[in-house]
Amino acid sequence: MRNKRVAKIAAFAYLLAVFFSTVAMADGENLQISEGELGMMCVATAYPAVSRGNRDMTNAGDEAQNDENAGINGITDPNAVNIVLGQAGAKGDDAAQTESDTNDDGGMGTVVSPPALPAAGNGQPLVIIYHTHATEAYQPISTGNFRTTEVEGSVRDVGNVLAEELEKLGIGVVHDTTLHDAESYNKSYSRSLETANYLISQYPSAIFVIDLHRDAAAYTGGAAKTVTIDGKTVASYALVVGEGNPNASALKAFANAVNDKAEEMYPGFGGRIISKSYKYNQYVSDYHLLLEIGNNENNIKEARLTAKYFAHVLASVIEDTL
């Protein structure tokens, strides 16, 4: 018993020695630490934290540092991910943006250049769809500042339609419906970056990445934006390009290719390309689209129709690219 106590005291003394030697090497900085903080440091040294399955959020940018209530969960809920493998049909487990939010660079700083292009219809996912602002909703939902945690009527509903239509066209899709903006709207880009990086690492064949949003009507004249295709009224779409990304030229080229194809297939369907100085996490792939389908004054039926037509456009672009 006495030997154990001696061992504990010796270990504690060693930790103190390590701590104070570290302080001594602090280049003359005046470090003031309370007894409680010293105790926590000693415990942390003796019992380092173990991360189980968390995706890397090291240096996750100003967003993660500034929001004490972010509550970032490093593990994507497996129930939020739906994997659709095109014709193979295999499925896996189931408005206004603030400047600090949209300017987040995630702290990663590295552009993930796409690997050798995969073959279309190879049984592997080619497209990743996720939602930074997953609670954004369409008419008839107007409560909660046009937001909902339910899937129906939200951008996740539209993402489901896009994924299903791509599946019919033989394009494998991973659709993630994680609510990145539910706990902390201002930190939603930090959260979605975590998800995007994780999905890209898990599905390296899925080089086409879509962050699917809807716009805010206040930014576009306060009214729904629509076009007519085949006699049907569908929501307009827009593509946002983050000029702050090191791969901005590739992002713009891809957005232009999508728009050109939309006009070729459905005249008048091609949407606006909006350039912003932010990054929007688009550096994760040269084939990243920040896609805004409609706004909060568009009804969900119009947005679903847009997703169907956009799926045909994207499938054609993917075929041309591969």
Protein backbone atom coordinates (compact mmCIF):
# COMPACT_ATOMS: atom_id res chain seq x y z
CA MET A 1 0.00 0.00 0.00
CA ARG A 2 2.81 2.34 0.99
CA ASN A 3 4.64 1.56 -2.26
CA LYS A 4 1.56 2.55 -4.25
CA ARG A 5 1.31 5.86 -2.46
CA VAL A 6 4.99 6.52 -3.07
CA ALA A 7 4.52 5.69 -6.74
CA LYS A 8 1.60 8.09 -7.00
CA ILE A 9 3.53 10.88 -5.31
CA ALA A 10 6.52 10.26 -7.56
CA ALA A 11 4.32 10.34 -10.64
CA PHE A 12 2.68 13.59 -9.54
CA ALA A 13 6.07 15.13 -8.83
CA TYR A 14 7.23 14.11 -12.28
CA LEU A 15 4.22 15.77 -13.87
CA LEU A 16 4.90 18.95 -11.92
CA ALA A 17 8.51 18.88 -13.03
CA VAL A 18 7.48 18.50 -16.65
CA PHE A 19 4.96 21.31 -16.30
CA PHE A 20 7.33 23.81 -14.69
CA SER A 21 10.11 22.97 -17.12
CA THR A 22 7.65 23.77 -19.91
CA VAL A 23 6.82 27.08 -18.26
CA ALA A 24 10.52 27.86 -17.96
CA MET A 25 10.93 27.46 -21.71
CA ALA A 26 8.10 29.88 -22.53
CA ASP A 27 10.50 32.59 -23.71
CA GLY A 28 9.78 34.89 -20.83
CA GLU A 29 5.97 34.88 -21.25
CA ASN A 30 4.07 35.67 -18.04
CA LEU A 31 1.93 32.54 -17.62
CA GLN A 32 -0.56 32.65 -14.76
CA ILE A 33 -2.38 29.38 -14.12
CA SER A 34 -4.76 28.62 -11.27
CA GLU A 35 -4.51 25.59 -9.04
CA GLY A 36 -7.55 24.10 -10.74
CA GLU A 37 -6.05 24.54 -14.19
CA LEU A 38 -2.80 23.00 -12.99
CA GLY A 39 -4.72 20.00 -11.68
CA MET A 40 -6.57 19.57 -14.99
CA MET A 41 -3.29 19.75 -16.90
CA CYS A 42 -1.81 17.05 -14.70
CA VAL A 43 -4.83 14.81 -15.19
CA ALA A 44 -4.80 15.43 -18.93
CA THR A 45 -1.13 14.45 -19.08
CA ALA A 46 -1.75 11.26 -17.15
CA TYR A 47 -4.94 10.34 -18.98
CA PRO A 48 -4.97 11.82 -22.50
CA ALA A 49 -8.35 12.06 -24.22
CA VAL A 50 -9.18 9.36 -26.73
CA SER A 51 -11.18 10.28 -29.83
CA ARG A 52 -13.35 7.46 -31.14
CA GLY A 53 -14.11 7.84 -34.81
CA ASN A 54 -14.17 11.65 -34.83
CA ARG A 55 -13.39 13.28 -38.13
CA ASP A 56 -10.49 15.71 -37.90
CA MET A 57 -11.58 19.16 -36.75
CA THR A 58 -8.06 20.37 -35.90
CA ASN A 59 -7.77 24.09 -36.59
CA ALA A 60 -11.31 24.11 -37.85
CA GLY A 61 -11.27 27.85 -38.47
CA ASP A 62 -12.80 30.88 -36.81
CA GLU A 63 -16.27 29.35 -36.70
CA ALA A 64 -15.34 26.54 -34.34
CA GLN A 65 -13.33 28.90 -32.15
CA ASN A 66 -15.98 31.60 -31.79
CA ASP A 67 -19.08 29.58 -30.93
CA GLU A 68 -19.10 28.07 -27.46
CA ASN A 69 -22.44 26.41 -28.20
CA ALA A 70 -21.42 24.71 -31.43
CA GLY A 71 -21.54 21.26 -29.83
CA ILE A 72 -19.90 19.71 -32.88
CA ASN A 73 -20.39 15.96 -33.00
CA GLY A 74 -17.52 14.47 -34.93
CA ILE A 75 -19.48 11.43 -36.09
CA THR A 76 -22.06 11.66 -38.84
CA ASP A 77 -25.29 9.99 -37.82
CA PRO A 78 -25.38 6.83 -39.97
CA ASN A 79 -29.12 7.30 -40.33
CA ALA A 80 -28.44 10.59 -42.11
CA VAL A 81 -26.58 8.98 -45.01
CA ASN A 82 -28.31 7.31 -47.92
CA ILE A 83 -26.16 5.59 -50.51
CA VAL A 84 -27.65 4.99 -53.93
CA LEU A 85 -25.56 3.13 -56.48
CA GLY A 86 -27.27 4.00 -59.71
CA GLN A 87 -28.54 1.07 -61.72
CA ALA A 88 -27.04 -1.34 -59.20
CA GLY A 89 -29.72 -0.12 -56.82
CA ALA A 90 -27.77 -0.94 -53.65
CA LYS A 91 -28.58 1.23 -50.63
CA GLY A 92 -26.62 1.74 -47.44
CA ASP A 93 -27.68 2.78 -43.95
CA ASP A 94 -29.98 4.70 -43.74
CA ALA A 95 -31.41 32.44 -45.84
CA ALA A 96 -29.61 34.70 -44.88
CA GLN A 97 -25.97 33.84 -44.36
CA THR A 98 -23.68 35.62 -41.95
CA GLU A 99 -20.29 36.85 -43.09
CA SER A 100 -18.42 34.83 -40.47
CA ASP A 101 -20.29 31.75 -41.61
CA THR A 102 -19.69 32.05 -45.33
CA ASN A 103 -16.07 33.18 -44.95
CA ASP A 104 -15.04 30.04 -43.13
CA ASP A 105 -12.11 28.27 -44.75
CA GLY A 106 -12.21 25.33 -42.40
CA GLY A 107 -8.55 25.84 -41.55
CA MET A 108 -7.66 22.92 -43.79
CA GLY A 109 -6.01 24.99 -46.49
CA THR A 110 -5.48 22.11 -48.91
CA VAL A 111 -7.38 21.64 -52.14
CA VAL A 112 -8.39 18.03 -52.66
CA SER A 113 -7.54 17.57 -56.31
CA PRO A 114 -9.67 14.86 -57.87
CA PRO A 115 -7.98 11.52 -58.52
CA ALA A 116 -8.07 9.80 -61.87
CA LEU A 117 -11.63 10.13 -63.10
CA PRO A 118 -13.69 7.03 -62.32
CA ALA A 119 -15.71 5.25 -64.97
CA ALA A 120 -19.38 6.12 -65.16
CA GLY A 121 -21.70 3.31 -64.07
CA ASN A 122 -18.91 1.45 -62.27
CA GLY A 123 -21.11 0.58 -59.30
CA GLN A 124 -19.42 3.18 -57.09
CA PRO A 125 -20.92 6.51 -55.99
CA LEU A 126 -19.99 9.39 -58.27
CA VAL A 127 -21.92 12.20 -56.52
CA ILE A 128 -22.03 13.44 -52.94
CA ILE A 129 -24.98 15.61 -51.87
CA TYR A 130 -25.06 17.33 -48.50
CA HIS A 131 -26.65 20.44 -47.00
CA THR A 132 -24.80 23.10 -44.99
CA HIS A 133 -28.17 24.71 -44.18
CA ALA A 134 -30.22 21.54 -43.99
CA THR A 135 -33.25 23.11 -42.27
CA GLU A 136 -34.01 25.55 -45.14
CA ALA A 137 -37.60 25.03 -46.27
CA TYR A 138 -40.06 25.94 -49.02
CA GLN A 139 -43.72 26.93 -49.09
CA PRO A 140 -46.09 26.05 -47.55
CA ILE A 141 -43.66 26.00 -44.59
CA SER A 142 -43.24 29.55 -43.29
CA THR A 143 -42.76 29.04 -39.56
CA GLY A 144 -39.37 29.21 -37.87
CA ASN A 145 -38.03 31.71 -40.41
CA PHE A 146 -38.83 29.27 -43.23
CA ARG A 147 -36.94 26.43 -41.60
CA THR A 148 -37.82 22.94 -40.45
CA THR A 149 -36.09 19.96 -38.92
CA GLU A 150 -38.49 17.67 -40.80
CA VAL A 151 -37.33 16.26 -44.14
CA GLU A 152 -40.58 16.94 -46.01
CA GLY A 153 -40.65 20.41 -47.51
CA SER A 154 -36.95 21.08 -46.86
CA VAL A 155 -33.83 21.15 -49.02
CA ARG A 156 -33.24 17.56 -47.87
CA ASP A 157 -36.54 16.64 -49.51
CA VAL A 158 -35.24 18.20 -52.75
CA GLY A 159 -31.92 16.39 -52.28
CA ASN A 160 -33.79 13.10 -52.06
CA VAL A 161 -35.48 13.81 -55.38
CA LEU A 162 -32.16 14.75 -57.00
CA ALA A 163 -30.53 11.56 -55.69
CA GLU A 164 -33.41 9.35 -56.80
CA GLU A 165 -33.47 10.83 -60.30
CA LEU A 166 -29.70 10.42 -60.66
CA GLU A 167 -30.14 6.81 -59.55
CA LYS A 168 -32.63 6.23 -62.36
CA LEU A 169 -30.02 7.60 -64.76
CA GLY A 170 -27.38 5.19 -63.47
CA ILE A 171 -25.42 7.66 -61.35
CA GLY A 172 -24.44 6.49 -57.86
CA VAL A 173 -25.10 9.03 -55.09
CA VAL A 174 -24.30 9.49 -51.42
CA HIS A 175 -26.88 11.84 -49.89
CA ASP A 176 -26.13 13.12 -46.39
CA THR A 177 -29.01 14.78 -44.50
CA THR A 178 -27.15 15.82 -41.34
CA LEU A 179 -28.67 18.94 -39.72
CA HIS A 180 -25.51 21.05 -39.71
CA ASP A 181 -27.37 24.26 -38.88
CA ALA A 182 -29.80 23.02 -36.23
CA GLU A 183 -27.70 23.61 -33.11
CA SER A 184 -25.68 26.60 -34.29
CA TYR A 185 -26.48 28.30 -37.57
CA ASN A 186 -23.30 30.39 -37.53
CA LYS A 187 -21.17 27.27 -37.33
CA SER A 188 -22.94 25.29 -40.02
CA TYR A 189 -20.07 25.57 -42.51
CA SER A 190 -17.60 24.16 -39.98
CA ARG A 191 -19.95 21.25 -39.42
CA SER A 192 -20.61 20.59 -43.10
CA LEU A 193 -16.89 20.75 -43.89
CA GLU A 194 -16.39 17.92 -41.45
CA THR A 195 -19.07 15.88 -43.19
CA ALA A 196 -17.79 16.66 -46.70
CA ASN A 197 -14.22 15.67 -45.85
CA TYR A 198 -15.43 12.48 -44.21
CA LEU A 199 -17.64 11.45 -47.15
CA ILE A 200 -14.88 12.21 -49.66
CA SER A 201 -12.47 10.05 -47.68
CA GLN A 202 -14.99 7.20 -47.49
CA TYR A 203 -16.12 7.40 -51.14
CA PRO A 204 -13.10 8.55 -53.20
CA SER A 205 -14.94 7.74 -56.44
CA ALA A 206 -17.52 10.47 -55.64
CA ILE A 207 -15.66 13.48 -57.01
CA PHE A 208 -18.81 15.49 -57.88
CA VAL A 209 -19.88 17.29 -54.72
CA ILE A 210 -23.07 19.31 -54.24
CA ASP A 211 -23.95 21.51 -51.27
CA LEU A 212 -27.68 21.98 -51.89
CA HIS A 213 -29.37 25.12 -50.53
CA ARG A 214 -32.31 27.34 -51.31
CA ASP A 215 -32.02 31.13 -51.62
CA ALA A 216 -33.75 33.77 -49.51
CA ALA A 217 -36.46 35.68 -51.38
CA ALA A 218 -35.38 38.91 -49.73
CA TYR A 219 -32.21 38.75 -51.81
CA THR A 220 -34.05 38.27 -55.11
CA GLY A 221 -36.87 40.79 -55.05
CA GLY A 222 -39.09 39.12 -52.45
CA ALA A 223 -40.84 36.81 -54.89
CA ALA A 224 -40.54 33.23 -56.03
CA LYS A 225 -38.24 32.66 -59.00
CA THR A 226 -39.50 30.27 -61.66
CA VAL A 227 -39.00 29.17 -65.25
CA THR A 228 -41.17 27.05 -67.52
CA ILE A 229 -39.95 23.70 -68.87
CA ASP A 230 -42.15 21.42 -70.94
CA GLY A 231 -45.13 23.53 -69.87
CA LYS A 232 -44.31 23.00 -66.19
CA THR A 233 -43.46 25.72 -63.68
CA VAL A 234 -40.21 24.92 -61.91
CA ALA A 235 -38.02 26.84 -59.49
CA SER A 236 -35.02 28.67 -60.87
CA TYR A 237 -31.59 27.65 -59.65
CA ALA A 238 -28.32 29.49 -59.11
CA LEU A 239 -24.71 28.38 -58.71
CA VAL A 240 -22.45 30.18 -56.25
CA VAL A 241 -18.69 30.22 -56.86
CA GLY A 242 -16.39 31.06 -53.97
CA GLU A 243 -13.64 33.23 -55.44
CA GLY A 244 -11.66 32.85 -52.21
CA ASN A 245 -10.83 29.25 -53.06
CA PRO A 246 -7.43 28.37 -54.57
CA ASN A 247 -9.28 26.26 -57.15
CA ALA A 248 -11.75 29.03 -58.05
CA SER A 249 -10.97 28.83 -61.78
CA ALA A 250 -11.79 25.11 -61.84
CA LEU A 251 -14.99 25.71 -59.87
CA LYS A 252 -16.08 28.42 -62.28
CA ALA A 253 -15.31 26.24 -65.30
CA PHE A 254 -17.43 23.44 -63.87
CA ALA A 255 -20.31 25.78 -63.04
CA ASN A 256 -20.20 27.17 -66.59
CA ALA A 257 -20.23 23.65 -68.03
CA VAL A 258 -23.34 22.82 -65.98
CA ASN A 259 -25.09 26.01 -67.02
CA ASP A 260 -24.23 25.56 -70.69
CA LYS A 261 -25.62 22.04 -70.59
CA ALA A 262 -28.81 23.24 -68.86
CA GLU A 263 -29.39 25.78 -71.62
CA GLU A 264 -28.65 23.21 -74.30
CA MET A 265 -31.08 20.66 -72.89
CA TYR A 266 -33.78 23.01 -71.58
CA PRO A 267 -33.56 26.53 -73.05
CA GLY A 268 -34.09 29.15 -70.35
CA PHE A 269 -33.25 26.75 -67.52
CA GLY A 270 -29.65 27.89 -67.06
CA GLY A 271 -29.34 29.76 -63.79
CA ARG A 272 -27.28 32.64 -62.47
CA ILE A 273 -23.65 32.13 -61.57
CA ILE A 274 -22.96 34.22 -58.48
CA SER A 275 -19.35 34.99 -57.59
CA LYS A 276 -18.54 35.70 -53.94
CA SER A 277 -15.25 36.38 -52.19
CA TYR A 278 -15.82 33.59 -49.66
CA LYS A 279 -14.80 29.93 -49.81
CA TYR A 280 -17.92 27.97 -48.80
CA ASN A 281 -15.66 24.91 -48.36
CA GLN A 282 -15.59 24.46 -52.13
CA TYR A 283 -11.89 23.71 -52.18
CA VAL A 284 -12.66 20.11 -51.22
CA SER A 285 -13.19 19.27 -54.91
CA ASP A 286 -12.67 20.90 -58.29
CA TYR A 287 -16.16 19.58 -59.11
CA HIS A 288 -18.00 21.22 -56.23
CA LEU A 289 -21.32 22.97 -56.80
CA LEU A 290 -22.98 25.24 -54.30
CA LEU A 291 -26.45 24.80 -55.75
CA GLU A 292 -29.34 27.03 -54.72
CA ILE A 293 -32.71 25.73 -55.89
CA GLY A 294 -35.47 28.31 -55.60
CA ASN A 295 -36.09 30.46 -52.53
CA ASN A 296 -38.42 30.46 -49.55
CA GLU A 297 -41.30 31.81 -51.68
CA ASN A 298 -41.11 28.87 -54.09
CA ASN A 299 -43.29 25.92 -53.18
CA ILE A 300 -41.80 22.49 -52.62
CA LYS A 301 -43.41 21.06 -55.77
CA GLU A 302 -41.56 23.58 -57.94
CA ALA A 303 -38.28 22.77 -56.20
CA ARG A 304 -38.76 19.02 -56.61
CA LEU A 305 -39.35 19.47 -60.34
CA THR A 306 -36.17 21.51 -60.62
CA ALA A 307 -34.24 18.70 -58.92
CA LYS A 308 -35.52 16.23 -61.53
CA TYR A 309 -34.50 18.37 -64.47
CA PHE A 310 -31.19 19.28 -62.85
CA ALA A 311 -30.43 15.58 -62.40
CA HIS A 312 -30.63 15.08 -66.16
CA VAL A 313 -28.36 18.06 -66.73
CA LEU A 314 -25.80 16.84 -64.19
CA ALA A 315 -25.88 13.28 -65.53
CA SER A 316 -25.09 14.61 -69.01
CA VAL A 317 -22.23 16.76 -67.67
CA ILE A 318 -20.82 13.80 -65.78
CA GLU A 319 -20.99 11.67 -68.92
CA ASP A 320 -19.13 14.37 -70.85
CA THR A 321 -16.54 14.74 -68.09
CA LEU A 322 -15.85 11.04 -67.68
